[in-house]
Amino acid sequence: MTVNTVSEVQTTQKEPESERRILTFKANQVIWLLLSIFEALLALRFVLKLIGAKPATPLAAVIYVFSGFMRLRIFQF
C-alpha cells in the first residue's frame, strides 16, 4: 500500500496599488449609489406629477423637497 502525499507551496505578493484600487472601487460604488437614489427620486417625482398628486400630501411633499433640493445642487454647475 502506497501513500501519496501532496505538498503545496503558496507564495503571496503584495500588489503595490491594491489599496488605491480598492479605494477607487468603493468610491465608484458610492457614486453609483447616490446617482441611483437621485434617479429614483426624480422618477418618483415624475410619477407623482403625472398622476396629479397634491403637493400637500406628506409623501409627495417629501419627494418634491428632496428631489428639488438635489436637482438644484447638482445642476447648478
PDB file of N, CA and C in Angstrom:
ATOM      1  N   MET A   1       0.837  -1.157   0.000  1.00  0.00           N
ATOM      2  CA  MET A   1       0.000   0.000   0.000  1.00  0.00           C
ATOM      3  C   MET A   1       0.897   1.240   0.000  1.00  0.00           C
ATOM      4  N   THR A   2       0.648   2.124  -0.954  1.00  0.00           N
ATOM      5  CA  THR A   2       1.455   3.335  -1.054  1.00  0.00           C
ATOM      6  C   THR A   2       0.618   4.533  -0.640  1.00  0.00           C
ATOM      7  N   VAL A   3       1.251   5.446   0.002  1.00  0.00           N
ATOM      8  CA  VAL A   3       0.589   6.662   0.449  1.00  0.00           C
ATOM      9  C   VAL A   3       1.133   7.815  -0.383  1.00  0.00           C
ATOM     10  N   ASN A   4       0.224   8.503  -1.050  1.00  0.00           N
ATOM     11  CA  ASN A   4       0.618   9.672  -1.836  1.00  0.00           C
ATOM     12  C   ASN A   4       0.442  10.922  -0.986  1.00  0.00           C
ATOM     13  N   THR A   5       1.466  11.658  -0.864  1.00  0.00           N
ATOM     14  CA  THR A   5       1.373  12.924  -0.136  1.00  0.00           C
ATOM     15  C   THR A   5       1.631  14.059  -1.113  1.00  0.00           C
ATOM     16  N   VAL A   6       0.824  15.044  -0.963  1.00  0.00           N
ATOM     17  CA  VAL A   6       0.953  16.214  -1.823  1.00  0.00           C
ATOM     18  C   VAL A   6       1.284  17.400  -0.938  1.00  0.00           C
ATOM     19  N   SER A   7       2.305  18.063  -1.279  1.00  0.00           N
ATOM     20  CA  SER A   7       2.639  19.280  -0.542  1.00  0.00           C
ATOM     21  C   SER A   7       2.454  20.472  -1.476  1.00  0.00           C
ATOM     22  N   GLU A   8       1.908  21.516  -0.927  1.00  0.00           N
ATOM     23  CA  GLU A   8       1.599  22.695  -1.727  1.00  0.00           C
ATOM     24  C   GLU A   8       2.295  23.887  -1.108  1.00  0.00           C
ATOM     25  N   VAL A   9       2.911  24.644  -1.954  1.00  0.00           N
ATOM     26  CA  VAL A   9       3.603  25.845  -1.503  1.00  0.00           C
ATOM     27  C   VAL A   9       2.877  27.045  -2.097  1.00  0.00           C
ATOM     28  N   GLN A  10       2.490  27.947  -1.228  1.00  0.00           N
ATOM     29  CA  GLN A  10       1.824  29.160  -1.696  1.00  0.00           C
ATOM     30  C   GLN A  10       2.702  30.351  -1.354  1.00  0.00           C
ATOM     31  N   THR A  11       2.825  31.205  -2.307  1.00  0.00           N
ATOM     32  CA  THR A  11       3.557  32.446  -2.069  1.00  0.00           C
ATOM     33  C   THR A  11       2.603  33.601  -2.297  1.00  0.00           C
ATOM     34  N   THR A  12       2.738  34.591  -1.509  1.00  0.00           N
ATOM     35  CA  THR A  12       1.885  35.766  -1.676  1.00  0.00           C
ATOM     36  C   THR A  12       2.772  36.980  -1.920  1.00  0.00           C
ATOM     37  N   GLN A  13       2.295  37.784  -2.816  1.00  0.00           N
ATOM     38  CA  GLN A  13       2.965  39.044  -3.079  1.00  0.00           C
ATOM     39  C   GLN A  13       1.960  40.155  -2.884  1.00  0.00           C
ATOM     40  N   LYS A  14       2.387  41.192  -2.269  1.00  0.00           N
ATOM     41  CA  LYS A  14       1.517  42.331  -2.069  1.00  0.00           C
ATOM     42  C   LYS A  14       1.551  43.207  -3.320  1.00  0.00           C
ATOM     43  N   GLU A  15       0.358  43.454  -3.840  1.00  0.00           N
ATOM     44  CA  GLU A  15       0.284  44.325  -5.011  1.00  0.00           C
ATOM     45  C   GLU A  15       0.512  45.759  -4.559  1.00  0.00           C
ATOM     46  N   PRO A  16       1.335  46.492  -5.265  1.00  0.00           N
ATOM     47  CA  PRO A  16       1.674  47.844  -4.805  1.00  0.00           C
ATOM     48  C   PRO A  16       0.491  48.817  -4.861  1.00  0.00           C
ATOM     49  N   GLU A  17      -0.451  48.616  -5.740  1.00  0.00           N
ATOM     50  CA  GLU A  17      -1.558  49.566  -5.901  1.00  0.00           C
ATOM     51  C   GLU A  17      -2.895  48.981  -5.453  1.00  0.00           C
ATOM     52  N   SER A  18      -2.900  47.926  -4.657  1.00  0.00           N
ATOM     53  CA  SER A  18      -4.163  47.283  -4.307  1.00  0.00           C
ATOM     54  C   SER A  18      -5.029  48.171  -3.421  1.00  0.00           C
ATOM     55  N   GLU A  19      -4.453  48.897  -2.467  1.00  0.00           N
ATOM     56  CA  GLU A  19      -5.264  49.762  -1.606  1.00  0.00           C
ATOM     57  C   GLU A  19      -5.904  50.884  -2.408  1.00  0.00           C
ATOM     58  N   ARG A  20      -5.161  51.430  -3.333  1.00  0.00           N
ATOM     59  CA  ARG A  20      -5.707  52.515  -4.158  1.00  0.00           C
ATOM     60  C   ARG A  20      -6.820  52.006  -5.060  1.00  0.00           C
ATOM     61  N   ARG A  21      -6.639  50.809  -5.602  1.00  0.00           N
ATOM     62  CA  ARG A  21      -7.661  50.228  -6.466  1.00  0.00           C
ATOM     63  C   ARG A  21      -8.938  49.926  -5.670  1.00  0.00           C
ATOM     64  N   ILE A  22      -8.785  49.434  -4.446  1.00  0.00           N
ATOM     65  CA  ILE A  22      -9.944  49.157  -3.605  1.00  0.00           C
ATOM     66  C   ILE A  22     -10.658  50.450  -3.247  1.00  0.00           C
ATOM     67  N   LEU A  23      -9.903  51.493  -2.910  1.00  0.00           N
ATOM     68  CA  LEU A  23     -10.497  52.786  -2.587  1.00  0.00           C
ATOM     69  C   LEU A  23     -11.244  53.354  -3.790  1.00  0.00           C
ATOM     70  N   THR A  24     -10.665  53.236  -4.968  1.00  0.00           N
ATOM     71  CA  THR A  24     -11.321  53.717  -6.181  1.00  0.00           C
ATOM     72  C   THR A  24     -12.599  52.937  -6.449  1.00  0.00           C
ATOM     73  N   PHE A  25     -12.559  51.633  -6.234  1.00  0.00           N
ATOM     74  CA  PHE A  25     -13.738  50.802  -6.438  1.00  0.00           C
ATOM     75  C   PHE A  25     -14.846  51.191  -5.463  1.00  0.00           C
ATOM     76  N   LYS A  26     -14.511  51.406  -4.204  1.00  0.00           N
ATOM     77  CA  LYS A  26     -15.507  51.799  -3.197  1.00  0.00           C
ATOM     78  C   LYS A  26     -16.084  53.174  -3.512  1.00  0.00           C
ATOM     79  N   ALA A  27     -15.241  54.105  -3.931  1.00  0.00           N
ATOM     80  CA  ALA A  27     -15.724  55.435  -4.299  1.00  0.00           C
ATOM     81  C   ALA A  27     -16.675  55.346  -5.483  1.00  0.00           C
ATOM     82  N   ASN A  28     -16.348  54.490  -6.432  1.00  0.00           N
ATOM     83  CA  ASN A  28     -17.211  54.286  -7.589  1.00  0.00           C
ATOM     84  C   ASN A  28     -18.564  53.726  -7.155  1.00  0.00           C
ATOM     85  N   GLN A  29     -18.563  52.803  -6.212  1.00  0.00           N
ATOM     86  CA  GLN A  29     -19.814  52.240  -5.714  1.00  0.00           C
ATOM     87  C   GLN A  29     -20.661  53.306  -5.019  1.00  0.00           C
ATOM     88  N   VAL A  30     -20.034  54.159  -4.235  1.00  0.00           N
ATOM     89  CA  VAL A  30     -20.772  55.214  -3.533  1.00  0.00           C
ATOM     90  C   VAL A  30     -21.384  56.191  -4.530  1.00  0.00           C
ATOM     91  N   ILE A  31     -20.631  56.550  -5.547  1.00  0.00           N
ATOM     92  CA  ILE A  31     -21.142  57.475  -6.558  1.00  0.00           C
ATOM     93  C   ILE A  31     -22.343  56.865  -7.281  1.00  0.00           C
ATOM     94  N   TRP A  32     -22.228  55.596  -7.667  1.00  0.00           N
ATOM     95  CA  TRP A  32     -23.358  54.936  -8.339  1.00  0.00           C
ATOM     96  C   TRP A  32     -24.574  54.838  -7.426  1.00  0.00           C
ATOM     97  N   LEU A  33     -24.357  54.582  -6.138  1.00  0.00           N
ATOM     98  CA  LEU A  33     -25.464  54.514  -5.192  1.00  0.00           C
ATOM     99  C   LEU A  33     -26.181  55.852  -5.093  1.00  0.00           C
ATOM    100  N   LEU A  34     -25.414  56.931  -4.939  1.00  0.00           N
ATOM    101  CA  LEU A  34     -26.017  58.261  -4.837  1.00  0.00           C
ATOM    102  C   LEU A  34     -26.764  58.652  -6.108  1.00  0.00           C
ATOM    103  N   LEU A  35     -26.173  58.343  -7.255  1.00  0.00           N
ATOM    104  CA  LEU A  35     -26.856  58.661  -8.513  1.00  0.00           C
ATOM    105  C   LEU A  35     -28.115  57.820  -8.701  1.00  0.00           C
ATOM    106  N   SER A  36     -28.086  56.588  -8.246  1.00  0.00           N
ATOM    107  CA  SER A  36     -29.274  55.734  -8.355  1.00  0.00           C
ATOM    108  C   SER A  36     -30.397  56.240  -7.460  1.00  0.00           C
ATOM    109  N   ILE A  37     -30.044  56.680  -6.257  1.00  0.00           N
ATOM    110  CA  ILE A  37     -31.055  57.250  -5.358  1.00  0.00           C
ATOM    111  C   ILE A  37     -31.637  58.516  -5.964  1.00  0.00           C
ATOM    112  N   PHE A  38     -30.779  59.355  -6.509  1.00  0.00           N
ATOM    113  CA  PHE A  38     -31.241  60.588  -7.153  1.00  0.00           C
ATOM    114  C   PHE A  38     -32.169  60.284  -8.328  1.00  0.00           C
ATOM    115  N   GLU A  39     -31.801  59.299  -9.131  1.00  0.00           N
ATOM    116  CA  GLU A  39     -32.634  58.928 -10.277  1.00  0.00           C
ATOM    117  C   GLU A  39     -33.982  58.379  -9.829  1.00  0.00           C
ATOM    118  N   ALA A  40     -33.982  57.585  -8.769  1.00  0.00           N
ATOM    119  CA  ALA A  40     -35.239  57.035  -8.251  1.00  0.00           C
ATOM    120  C   ALA A  40     -36.144  58.149  -7.729  1.00  0.00           C
ATOM    121  N   LEU A  41     -35.558  59.126  -7.036  1.00  0.00           N
ATOM    122  CA  LEU A  41     -36.359  60.249  -6.547  1.00  0.00           C
ATOM    123  C   LEU A  41     -36.929  61.081  -7.692  1.00  0.00           C
ATOM    124  N   LEU A  42     -36.133  61.288  -8.731  1.00  0.00           N
ATOM    125  CA  LEU A  42     -36.655  62.022  -9.883  1.00  0.00           C
ATOM    126  C   LEU A  42     -37.769  61.244 -10.583  1.00  0.00           C
ATOM    127  N   ALA A  43     -37.623  59.929 -10.653  1.00  0.00           N
ATOM    128  CA  ALA A  43     -38.673  59.109 -11.260  1.00  0.00           C
ATOM    129  C   ALA A  43     -39.950  59.169 -10.426  1.00  0.00           C
ATOM    130  N   LEU A  44     -39.814  59.107  -9.100  1.00  0.00           N
ATOM    131  CA  LEU A  44     -40.990  59.236  -8.237  1.00  0.00           C
ATOM    132  C   LEU A  44     -41.626  60.603  -8.379  1.00  0.00           C
ATOM    133  N   ARG A  45     -40.816  61.635  -8.474  1.00  0.00           N
ATOM    134  CA  ARG A  45     -41.349  62.989  -8.666  1.00  0.00           C
ATOM    135  C   ARG A  45     -42.134  63.079  -9.972  1.00  0.00           C
ATOM    136  N   PHE A  46     -41.576  62.484 -11.033  1.00  0.00           N
ATOM    137  CA  PHE A  46     -42.252  62.488 -12.329  1.00  0.00           C
ATOM    138  C   PHE A  46     -43.588  61.752 -12.255  1.00  0.00           C
ATOM    139  N   VAL A  47     -43.584  60.582 -11.613  1.00  0.00           N
ATOM    140  CA  VAL A  47     -44.822  59.798 -11.497  1.00  0.00           C
ATOM    141  C   VAL A  47     -45.850  60.556 -10.665  1.00  0.00           C
ATOM    142  N   LEU A  48     -45.425  61.164  -9.578  1.00  0.00           N
ATOM    143  CA  LEU A  48     -46.368  61.930  -8.751  1.00  0.00           C
ATOM    144  C   LEU A  48     -46.933  63.117  -9.521  1.00  0.00           C
ATOM    145  N   LYS A  49     -46.098  63.796 -10.288  1.00  0.00           N
ATOM    146  CA  LYS A  49     -46.601  64.904 -11.111  1.00  0.00           C
ATOM    147  C   LYS A  49     -47.549  64.385 -12.191  1.00  0.00           C
ATOM    148  N   LEU A  50     -47.220  63.229 -12.749  1.00  0.00           N
ATOM    149  CA  LEU A  50     -48.028  62.651 -13.818  1.00  0.00           C
ATOM    150  C   LEU A  50     -49.426  62.271 -13.333  1.00  0.00           C
ATOM    151  N   ILE A  51     -49.516  61.709 -12.146  1.00  0.00           N
ATOM    152  CA  ILE A  51     -50.829  61.303 -11.639  1.00  0.00           C
ATOM    153  C   ILE A  51     -51.544  62.438 -10.919  1.00  0.00           C
ATOM    154  N   GLY A  52     -50.895  63.567 -10.789  1.00  0.00           N
ATOM    155  CA  GLY A  52     -51.522  64.749 -10.204  1.00  0.00           C
ATOM    156  C   GLY A  52     -51.632  64.696  -8.698  1.00  0.00           C
ATOM    157  N   ALA A  53     -50.623  64.159  -8.029  1.00  0.00           N
ATOM    158  CA  ALA A  53     -50.635  64.101  -6.569  1.00  0.00           C
ATOM    159  C   ALA A  53     -50.576  65.502  -5.989  1.00  0.00           C
ATOM    160  N   LYS A  54     -51.356  65.705  -4.942  1.00  0.00           N
ATOM    161  CA  LYS A  54     -51.365  67.013  -4.298  1.00  0.00           C
ATOM    162  C   LYS A  54     -50.041  67.219  -3.555  1.00  0.00           C
ATOM    163  N   PRO A  55     -49.408  68.356  -3.730  1.00  0.00           N
ATOM    164  CA  PRO A  55     -48.135  68.618  -3.031  1.00  0.00           C
ATOM    165  C   PRO A  55     -48.292  68.691  -1.521  1.00  0.00           C
ATOM    166  N   ALA A  56     -49.532  68.807  -1.022  1.00  0.00           N
ATOM    167  CA  ALA A  56     -49.747  68.900   0.423  1.00  0.00           C
ATOM    168  C   ALA A  56     -49.677  67.533   1.110  1.00  0.00           C
ATOM    169  N   THR A  57     -49.784  66.442   0.351  1.00  0.00           N
ATOM    170  CA  THR A  57     -49.700  65.120   0.981  1.00  0.00           C
ATOM    171  C   THR A  57     -48.270  64.881   1.459  1.00  0.00           C
ATOM    172  N   PRO A  58     -48.107  64.191   2.576  1.00  0.00           N
ATOM    173  CA  PRO A  58     -46.757  64.034   3.160  1.00  0.00           C
ATOM    174  C   PRO A  58     -45.745  63.364   2.229  1.00  0.00           C
ATOM    175  N   LEU A  59     -46.133  62.279   1.567  1.00  0.00           N
ATOM    176  CA  LEU A  59     -45.185  61.578   0.699  1.00  0.00           C
ATOM    177  C   LEU A  59     -44.757  62.459  -0.472  1.00  0.00           C
ATOM    178  N   ALA A  60     -45.734  63.092  -1.104  1.00  0.00           N
ATOM    179  CA  ALA A  60     -45.410  63.958  -2.240  1.00  0.00           C
ATOM    180  C   ALA A  60     -44.554  65.138  -1.800  1.00  0.00           C
ATOM    181  N   ALA A  61     -44.853  65.699  -0.637  1.00  0.00           N
ATOM    182  CA  ALA A  61     -44.072  66.839  -0.147  1.00  0.00           C
ATOM    183  C   ALA A  61     -42.621  66.444   0.094  1.00  0.00           C
ATOM    184  N   VAL A  62     -42.404  65.273   0.683  1.00  0.00           N
ATOM    185  CA  VAL A  62     -41.037  64.815   0.946  1.00  0.00           C
ATOM    186  C   VAL A  62     -40.289  64.580  -0.364  1.00  0.00           C
ATOM    187  N   ILE A  63     -40.939  63.921  -1.308  1.00  0.00           N
ATOM    188  CA  ILE A  63     -40.298  63.644  -2.604  1.00  0.00           C
ATOM    189  C   ILE A  63     -39.982  64.950  -3.326  1.00  0.00           C
ATOM    190  N   TYR A  64     -40.928  65.885  -3.317  1.00  0.00           N
ATOM    191  CA  TYR A  64     -40.693  67.154  -4.003  1.00  0.00           C
ATOM    192  C   TYR A  64     -39.548  67.939  -3.358  1.00  0.00           C
ATOM    193  N   VAL A  65     -39.483  67.930  -2.034  1.00  0.00           N
ATOM    194  CA  VAL A  65     -38.438  68.689  -1.339  1.00  0.00           C
ATOM    195  C   VAL A  65     -37.062  68.079  -1.629  1.00  0.00           C
ATOM    196  N   PHE A  66     -36.929  66.758  -1.442  1.00  0.00           N
ATOM    197  CA  PHE A  66     -35.621  66.132  -1.650  1.00  0.00           C
ATOM    198  C   PHE A  66     -35.179  66.191  -3.106  1.00  0.00           C
ATOM    199  N   SER A  67     -36.078  65.890  -4.030  1.00  0.00           N
ATOM    200  CA  SER A  67     -35.661  65.898  -5.435  1.00  0.00           C
ATOM    201  C   SER A  67     -35.402  67.320  -5.921  1.00  0.00           C
ATOM    202  N   GLY A  68     -36.153  68.270  -5.434  1.00  0.00           N
ATOM    203  CA  GLY A  68     -35.902  69.659  -5.804  1.00  0.00           C
ATOM    204  C   GLY A  68     -34.585  70.170  -5.261  1.00  0.00           C
ATOM    205  N   PHE A  69     -34.274  69.797  -4.012  1.00  0.00           N
ATOM    206  CA  PHE A  69     -33.009  70.209  -3.408  1.00  0.00           C
ATOM    207  C   PHE A  69     -31.830  69.603  -4.148  1.00  0.00           C
ATOM    208  N   MET A  70     -31.907  68.318  -4.429  1.00  0.00           N
ATOM    209  CA  MET A  70     -30.793  67.660  -5.127  1.00  0.00           C
ATOM    210  C   MET A  70     -30.672  68.171  -6.560  1.00  0.00           C
ATOM    211  N   ARG A  71     -31.799  68.413  -7.201  1.00  0.00           N
ATOM    212  CA  ARG A  71     -31.742  68.909  -8.576  1.00  0.00           C
ATOM    213  C   ARG A  71     -31.065  70.285  -8.620  1.00  0.00           C
ATOM    214  N   LEU A  72     -31.363  71.116  -7.660  1.00  0.00           N
ATOM    215  CA  LEU A  72     -30.718  72.441  -7.626  1.00  0.00           C
ATOM    216  C   LEU A  72     -29.224  72.328  -7.330  1.00  0.00           C
ATOM    217  N   ARG A  73     -28.849  71.421  -6.426  1.00  0.00           N
ATOM    218  CA  ARG A  73     -27.446  71.280  -6.055  1.00  0.00           C
ATOM    219  C   ARG A  73     -26.606  70.667  -7.168  1.00  0.00           C
ATOM    220  N   ILE A  74     -27.154  69.714  -7.870  1.00  0.00           N
ATOM    221  CA  ILE A  74     -26.375  69.029  -8.907  1.00  0.00           C
ATOM    222  C   ILE A  74     -26.299  69.854 -10.181  1.00  0.00           C
ATOM    223  N   PHE A  75     -27.397  70.474 -10.567  1.00  0.00           N
ATOM    224  CA  PHE A  75     -27.423  71.183 -11.842  1.00  0.00           C
ATOM    225  C   PHE A  75     -27.023  72.646 -11.749  1.00  0.00           C
ATOM    226  N   GLN A  76     -26.532  73.097 -10.606  1.00  0.00           N
ATOM    227  CA  GLN A  76     -26.106  74.489 -10.516  1.00  0.00           C
ATOM    228  C   GLN A  76     -24.754  74.718 -11.173  1.00  0.00           C
ATOM    229  N   PHE A  77     -24.020  73.652 -11.450  1.00  0.00           N
ATOM    230  CA  PHE A  77     -22.702  73.807 -12.048  1.00  0.00           C
ATOM    231  C   PHE A  77     -22.854  74.104 -13.479  1.00  0.00           C
TER     232      PHE A  77
END
